[in-house]
């Protein structure tokens, strides 16, 4: 069969890191622009927004969640996003992930119950 070779982990990781930098830059710029446009369209600085969140898995056992604030006008726009992570790789299996742990930047930013992640993320925004 004429199949391409698998992607090397190092190359994929580099692409992943580079993509994340570009996506974060774009989303920040895009959301700032959305706020300015919404304020200009409504001609007020106090906006009505809708908050919606979701978890990685169903139920209240998920270790990851995200939430978004969306403007409530004729042309809704995403004004802000926030993620919550209650998982720390260092506690998962230190022996198995020894190499990863040395260069890992922990994203854990939440310690309470999974069910309260959505409201906590919205309050942060």
N, C-alpha and C. Protein backbone atom coordinates (compact mmCIF):
# COMPACT_ATOMS: atom_id res chain seq x y z
N UNK A 1 0.84 -1.18 0.00
CA UNK A 1 0.00 0.00 0.00
C UNK A 1 0.88 1.24 0.00
N UNK A 2 0.40 2.26 -0.64
CA UNK A 2 1.16 3.49 -0.75
C UNK A 2 0.67 4.50 0.29
N UNK A 3 1.02 4.27 1.55
CA UNK A 3 0.59 5.13 2.65
C UNK A 3 1.74 6.03 3.08
N UNK A 4 1.45 7.27 3.45
CA UNK A 4 2.52 8.13 3.95
C UNK A 4 3.02 7.64 5.30
N UNK A 5 4.25 7.99 5.61
CA UNK A 5 4.80 7.59 6.90
C UNK A 5 4.09 8.36 8.01
N UNK A 6 4.04 7.80 9.21
CA UNK A 6 3.37 8.50 10.31
C UNK A 6 4.10 9.78 10.69
N UNK A 7 3.37 10.70 11.28
CA UNK A 7 3.96 11.97 11.71
C UNK A 7 4.84 11.72 12.92
N UNK A 8 6.03 12.29 12.90
CA UNK A 8 6.92 12.16 14.05
C UNK A 8 6.40 13.02 15.19
N UNK A 9 6.51 12.51 16.40
CA UNK A 9 6.00 13.23 17.57
C UNK A 9 6.62 14.61 17.71
N UNK A 10 7.93 14.72 17.49
CA UNK A 10 8.59 16.02 17.67
C UNK A 10 8.07 17.04 16.65
N UNK A 11 7.91 16.60 15.41
CA UNK A 11 7.43 17.51 14.37
C UNK A 11 5.99 17.93 14.66
N UNK A 12 5.15 16.96 15.03
CA UNK A 12 3.76 17.28 15.35
C UNK A 12 3.69 18.22 16.55
N UNK A 13 4.49 18.00 17.57
CA UNK A 13 4.49 18.86 18.76
C UNK A 13 4.88 20.28 18.39
N UNK A 14 5.85 20.43 17.50
CA UNK A 14 6.26 21.77 17.07
C UNK A 14 5.12 22.46 16.33
N UNK A 15 4.47 21.74 15.41
CA UNK A 15 3.33 22.31 14.69
C UNK A 15 2.22 22.68 15.67
N UNK A 16 1.99 21.83 16.64
CA UNK A 16 0.95 22.07 17.63
C UNK A 16 1.25 23.34 18.43
N UNK A 17 2.49 23.49 18.88
CA UNK A 17 2.89 24.69 19.64
C UNK A 17 2.77 25.95 18.78
N UNK A 18 3.26 25.87 17.54
CA UNK A 18 3.20 27.03 16.64
C UNK A 18 1.75 27.42 16.34
N UNK A 19 0.90 26.42 16.11
CA UNK A 19 -0.51 26.69 15.84
C UNK A 19 -1.19 27.34 17.04
N UNK A 20 -0.87 26.85 18.23
CA UNK A 20 -1.47 27.39 19.44
C UNK A 20 -1.13 28.87 19.62
N UNK A 21 0.11 29.23 19.34
CA UNK A 21 0.53 30.63 19.45
C UNK A 21 -0.28 31.50 18.50
N UNK A 22 -0.44 31.04 17.26
CA UNK A 22 -1.20 31.81 16.27
C UNK A 22 -2.68 31.90 16.64
N UNK A 23 -3.25 30.79 17.08
CA UNK A 23 -4.66 30.77 17.44
C UNK A 23 -4.93 31.69 18.63
N UNK A 24 -4.07 31.64 19.65
CA UNK A 24 -4.25 32.52 20.82
C UNK A 24 -4.17 33.98 20.41
N UNK A 25 -3.23 34.31 19.55
CA UNK A 25 -3.08 35.69 19.09
C UNK A 25 -4.33 36.13 18.32
N UNK A 26 -4.80 35.29 17.42
CA UNK A 26 -5.98 35.62 16.62
C UNK A 26 -7.23 35.75 17.49
N UNK A 27 -7.44 34.82 18.42
CA UNK A 27 -8.65 34.88 19.24
C UNK A 27 -8.66 36.13 20.12
N UNK A 28 -7.51 36.48 20.68
CA UNK A 28 -7.44 37.69 21.50
C UNK A 28 -7.79 38.93 20.70
N UNK A 29 -7.21 39.05 19.52
CA UNK A 29 -7.49 40.18 18.63
C UNK A 29 -8.95 40.19 18.20
N UNK A 30 -9.46 39.03 17.83
CA UNK A 30 -10.83 38.91 17.35
C UNK A 30 -11.83 39.27 18.44
N UNK A 31 -11.60 38.81 19.67
CA UNK A 31 -12.54 39.11 20.75
C UNK A 31 -12.49 40.58 21.16
N UNK A 32 -11.31 41.19 21.13
CA UNK A 32 -11.21 42.63 21.42
C UNK A 32 -12.00 43.43 20.37
N UNK A 33 -11.85 43.03 19.11
CA UNK A 33 -12.57 43.69 18.03
C UNK A 33 -14.08 43.50 18.20
N UNK A 34 -14.50 42.31 18.62
CA UNK A 34 -15.92 42.03 18.83
C UNK A 34 -16.51 42.91 19.92
N UNK A 35 -15.75 43.13 20.99
CA UNK A 35 -16.23 44.01 22.07
C UNK A 35 -16.40 45.43 21.56
N UNK A 36 -15.39 45.93 20.84
CA UNK A 36 -15.45 47.30 20.30
C UNK A 36 -16.65 47.44 19.36
N UNK A 37 -16.85 46.48 18.46
CA UNK A 37 -17.96 46.53 17.51
C UNK A 37 -19.31 46.47 18.22
N UNK A 38 -19.41 45.63 19.24
CA UNK A 38 -20.68 45.50 19.96
C UNK A 38 -21.00 46.76 20.74
N UNK A 39 -20.01 47.34 21.40
CA UNK A 39 -20.21 48.59 22.13
C UNK A 39 -20.64 49.70 21.17
N UNK A 40 -19.99 49.77 20.01
CA UNK A 40 -20.34 50.79 19.01
C UNK A 40 -21.75 50.58 18.46
N UNK A 41 -22.12 49.34 18.21
CA UNK A 41 -23.45 49.04 17.65
C UNK A 41 -24.56 49.34 18.65
N UNK A 42 -24.33 49.04 19.91
CA UNK A 42 -25.35 49.26 20.94
C UNK A 42 -25.31 50.67 21.51
N UNK A 43 -24.21 51.36 21.31
CA UNK A 43 -24.01 52.72 21.82
C UNK A 43 -24.10 52.80 23.34
N UNK A 44 -23.69 51.71 24.01
CA UNK A 44 -23.62 51.67 25.48
C UNK A 44 -22.39 50.87 25.88
N UNK A 45 -21.93 51.08 27.11
CA UNK A 45 -20.78 50.30 27.58
C UNK A 45 -21.20 49.13 28.46
N UNK A 46 -22.47 49.12 28.90
CA UNK A 46 -22.98 47.99 29.67
C UNK A 46 -23.74 47.08 28.71
N UNK A 47 -23.16 45.93 28.41
CA UNK A 47 -23.74 45.03 27.43
C UNK A 47 -24.50 43.89 28.09
N UNK A 48 -25.54 43.43 27.42
CA UNK A 48 -26.23 42.22 27.86
C UNK A 48 -25.51 41.05 27.17
N UNK A 49 -25.11 40.07 27.97
CA UNK A 49 -24.39 38.92 27.42
C UNK A 49 -25.05 37.63 27.86
N UNK A 50 -24.75 36.59 27.14
CA UNK A 50 -25.20 35.25 27.47
C UNK A 50 -23.96 34.41 27.72
N UNK A 51 -23.97 33.65 28.79
CA UNK A 51 -22.84 32.78 29.10
C UNK A 51 -23.22 31.33 28.88
N UNK A 52 -22.35 30.58 28.25
CA UNK A 52 -22.61 29.16 28.04
C UNK A 52 -21.32 28.39 28.25
N UNK A 53 -21.44 27.27 28.90
CA UNK A 53 -20.27 26.45 29.17
C UNK A 53 -20.51 25.01 28.80
N UNK A 54 -19.44 24.25 28.76
CA UNK A 54 -19.54 22.83 28.44
C UNK A 54 -18.38 22.09 29.06
N UNK A 55 -18.55 20.79 29.22
CA UNK A 55 -17.53 19.94 29.79
C UNK A 55 -16.97 19.02 28.71
N UNK A 56 -15.80 18.47 28.99
CA UNK A 56 -15.18 17.54 28.04
C UNK A 56 -15.99 16.25 27.95
N UNK A 57 -16.53 15.79 29.07
CA UNK A 57 -17.32 14.56 29.10
C UNK A 57 -18.68 14.86 29.71
N UNK A 58 -19.63 13.98 29.51
CA UNK A 58 -20.97 14.16 30.09
C UNK A 58 -20.94 13.99 31.60
N UNK A 59 -21.93 14.57 32.24
CA UNK A 59 -22.05 14.43 33.68
C UNK A 59 -21.17 15.42 34.42
N UNK A 60 -21.01 15.18 35.68
CA UNK A 60 -20.27 16.11 36.52
C UNK A 60 -18.93 15.52 36.98
N UNK A 61 -18.33 14.68 36.17
CA UNK A 61 -17.05 14.07 36.52
C UNK A 61 -15.91 14.55 35.65
N UNK A 62 -16.17 15.45 34.73
CA UNK A 62 -15.15 15.92 33.79
C UNK A 62 -14.08 16.73 34.50
N UNK A 63 -12.87 16.64 34.02
CA UNK A 63 -11.75 17.39 34.59
C UNK A 63 -11.45 18.65 33.77
N UNK A 64 -12.13 18.84 32.64
CA UNK A 64 -11.90 20.00 31.78
C UNK A 64 -13.24 20.60 31.38
N UNK A 65 -13.30 21.92 31.35
CA UNK A 65 -14.50 22.59 30.87
C UNK A 65 -14.11 23.92 30.24
N UNK A 66 -15.04 24.51 29.52
CA UNK A 66 -14.82 25.82 28.91
C UNK A 66 -16.14 26.57 28.93
N UNK A 67 -16.04 27.89 28.85
CA UNK A 67 -17.24 28.73 28.81
C UNK A 67 -16.98 29.91 27.89
N UNK A 68 -18.06 30.46 27.36
CA UNK A 68 -17.95 31.61 26.47
C UNK A 68 -19.01 32.65 26.85
N UNK A 69 -18.66 33.92 26.68
CA UNK A 69 -19.61 35.02 26.81
C UNK A 69 -19.94 35.50 25.41
N UNK A 70 -21.23 35.57 25.10
CA UNK A 70 -21.68 35.95 23.77
C UNK A 70 -22.60 37.16 23.90
N UNK A 71 -22.40 38.16 23.04
CA UNK A 71 -23.23 39.36 23.10
C UNK A 71 -24.66 39.03 22.68
N UNK A 72 -25.62 39.71 23.30
CA UNK A 72 -27.04 39.50 23.00
C UNK A 72 -27.57 40.67 22.19
N UNK A 73 -27.22 40.73 20.94
CA UNK A 73 -27.74 41.77 20.06
C UNK A 73 -28.07 41.14 18.71
N UNK A 74 -28.36 41.95 17.71
CA UNK A 74 -28.79 41.40 16.42
C UNK A 74 -27.69 40.62 15.71
N UNK A 75 -26.44 40.95 15.98
CA UNK A 75 -25.32 40.21 15.42
C UNK A 75 -24.45 39.70 16.57
N UNK A 76 -24.82 38.57 17.19
CA UNK A 76 -24.08 38.08 18.36
C UNK A 76 -22.62 37.77 18.02
N UNK A 77 -21.76 38.08 18.97
CA UNK A 77 -20.33 37.82 18.80
C UNK A 77 -19.78 37.23 20.10
N UNK A 78 -18.78 36.37 19.97
CA UNK A 78 -18.11 35.83 21.15
C UNK A 78 -17.20 36.92 21.70
N UNK A 79 -17.43 37.30 22.96
CA UNK A 79 -16.67 38.38 23.57
C UNK A 79 -15.52 37.89 24.43
N UNK A 80 -15.64 36.68 24.97
CA UNK A 80 -14.57 36.14 25.82
C UNK A 80 -14.75 34.64 25.97
N UNK A 81 -13.65 33.95 26.21
CA UNK A 81 -13.69 32.51 26.50
C UNK A 81 -12.80 32.23 27.70
N UNK A 82 -13.10 31.17 28.41
CA UNK A 82 -12.31 30.77 29.57
C UNK A 82 -12.33 29.26 29.67
N UNK A 83 -11.21 28.68 30.04
CA UNK A 83 -11.14 27.23 30.24
C UNK A 83 -10.79 26.93 31.69
N UNK A 84 -11.26 25.79 32.16
CA UNK A 84 -10.92 25.32 33.50
C UNK A 84 -10.37 23.90 33.39
N UNK A 85 -9.31 23.64 34.11
CA UNK A 85 -8.72 22.31 34.13
C UNK A 85 -8.45 21.93 35.58
N UNK A 86 -8.96 20.77 35.97
CA UNK A 86 -8.75 20.28 37.33
C UNK A 86 -7.78 19.10 37.33
N UNK A 87 -7.09 18.89 36.23
CA UNK A 87 -6.18 17.75 36.10
C UNK A 87 -4.74 18.21 36.12
N UNK A 88 -3.95 17.54 36.91
CA UNK A 88 -2.52 17.82 36.96
C UNK A 88 -1.78 16.57 36.54
N UNK A 89 -0.97 16.66 35.50
CA UNK A 89 -0.24 15.51 34.98
C UNK A 89 0.76 14.98 36.01
N UNK A 90 1.24 15.84 36.87
CA UNK A 90 2.23 15.42 37.85
C UNK A 90 1.65 14.42 38.83
N UNK A 91 0.36 14.48 39.08
CA UNK A 91 -0.27 13.55 40.01
C UNK A 91 -0.75 12.28 39.32
N UNK A 92 -0.80 12.28 37.98
CA UNK A 92 -1.34 11.14 37.25
C UNK A 92 -0.47 9.90 37.40
N UNK A 93 0.75 9.96 36.93
CA UNK A 93 1.67 8.83 37.00
C UNK A 93 3.08 9.35 36.77
N UNK A 94 3.74 9.85 37.82
CA UNK A 94 5.06 10.46 37.65
C UNK A 94 6.09 9.56 36.97
N UNK A 95 6.07 8.27 37.24
CA UNK A 95 7.05 7.38 36.62
C UNK A 95 6.85 7.30 35.11
N UNK A 96 5.61 7.22 34.68
CA UNK A 96 5.30 7.09 33.26
C UNK A 96 5.59 8.38 32.49
N UNK A 97 5.36 9.52 33.11
CA UNK A 97 5.48 10.80 32.41
C UNK A 97 6.71 11.60 32.85
N UNK A 98 7.75 10.94 33.26
CA UNK A 98 8.93 11.62 33.80
C UNK A 98 9.52 12.63 32.81
N UNK A 99 9.66 12.25 31.55
CA UNK A 99 10.22 13.16 30.54
C UNK A 99 9.31 14.35 30.28
N UNK A 100 8.02 14.11 30.25
CA UNK A 100 7.06 15.17 29.99
C UNK A 100 7.03 16.16 31.14
N UNK A 101 7.09 15.66 32.36
CA UNK A 101 6.97 16.50 33.55
C UNK A 101 8.08 17.55 33.61
N UNK A 102 9.27 17.21 33.16
CA UNK A 102 10.39 18.16 33.22
C UNK A 102 10.11 19.44 32.43
N UNK A 103 9.42 19.31 31.30
CA UNK A 103 9.16 20.49 30.47
C UNK A 103 7.69 20.92 30.49
N UNK A 104 6.90 20.30 31.34
CA UNK A 104 5.46 20.54 31.37
C UNK A 104 5.11 21.85 32.07
N UNK A 105 4.24 22.63 31.45
CA UNK A 105 3.68 23.82 32.08
C UNK A 105 2.26 23.46 32.49
N UNK A 106 2.06 23.27 33.78
CA UNK A 106 0.77 22.79 34.27
C UNK A 106 -0.34 23.79 33.98
N UNK A 107 -1.45 23.29 33.46
CA UNK A 107 -2.59 24.14 33.12
C UNK A 107 -3.69 24.05 34.17
N UNK A 108 -3.43 23.36 35.27
CA UNK A 108 -4.45 23.22 36.30
C UNK A 108 -4.74 24.59 36.89
N UNK A 109 -6.01 24.98 36.86
CA UNK A 109 -6.40 26.28 37.39
C UNK A 109 -7.71 26.21 38.16
N UNK A 110 -8.09 24.99 38.57
CA UNK A 110 -9.38 24.81 39.22
C UNK A 110 -9.30 23.67 40.22
N UNK A 111 -9.85 23.88 41.43
CA UNK A 111 -9.77 22.86 42.49
C UNK A 111 -11.12 22.40 43.02
N UNK A 112 -12.21 23.00 42.60
CA UNK A 112 -13.52 22.67 43.17
C UNK A 112 -14.20 21.57 42.38
N UNK A 113 -15.51 21.38 42.61
CA UNK A 113 -16.23 20.29 41.95
C UNK A 113 -16.39 20.55 40.45
N UNK A 114 -16.50 19.48 39.70
CA UNK A 114 -16.67 19.59 38.25
C UNK A 114 -17.97 20.29 37.88
N UNK A 115 -19.00 20.09 38.68
CA UNK A 115 -20.30 20.69 38.40
C UNK A 115 -20.29 22.21 38.45
N UNK A 116 -19.36 22.78 39.19
CA UNK A 116 -19.30 24.24 39.34
C UNK A 116 -18.31 24.89 38.38
N UNK A 117 -17.69 24.12 37.50
CA UNK A 117 -16.69 24.67 36.58
C UNK A 117 -17.27 25.73 35.65
N UNK A 118 -18.45 25.46 35.10
CA UNK A 118 -19.06 26.37 34.13
C UNK A 118 -19.29 27.75 34.75
N UNK A 119 -19.93 27.78 35.91
CA UNK A 119 -20.22 29.07 36.55
C UNK A 119 -18.94 29.76 37.00
N UNK A 120 -17.95 29.01 37.44
CA UNK A 120 -16.67 29.61 37.86
C UNK A 120 -15.98 30.27 36.67
N UNK A 121 -16.00 29.60 35.52
CA UNK A 121 -15.37 30.17 34.32
C UNK A 121 -16.06 31.45 33.89
N UNK A 122 -17.38 31.48 33.97
CA UNK A 122 -18.13 32.68 33.59
C UNK A 122 -17.85 33.82 34.56
N UNK A 123 -17.74 33.52 35.85
CA UNK A 123 -17.43 34.56 36.84
C UNK A 123 -16.03 35.12 36.64
N UNK A 124 -15.09 34.30 36.19
CA UNK A 124 -13.72 34.78 35.93
C UNK A 124 -13.74 35.82 34.82
N UNK A 125 -14.58 35.59 33.80
CA UNK A 125 -14.63 36.52 32.67
C UNK A 125 -15.22 37.84 33.10
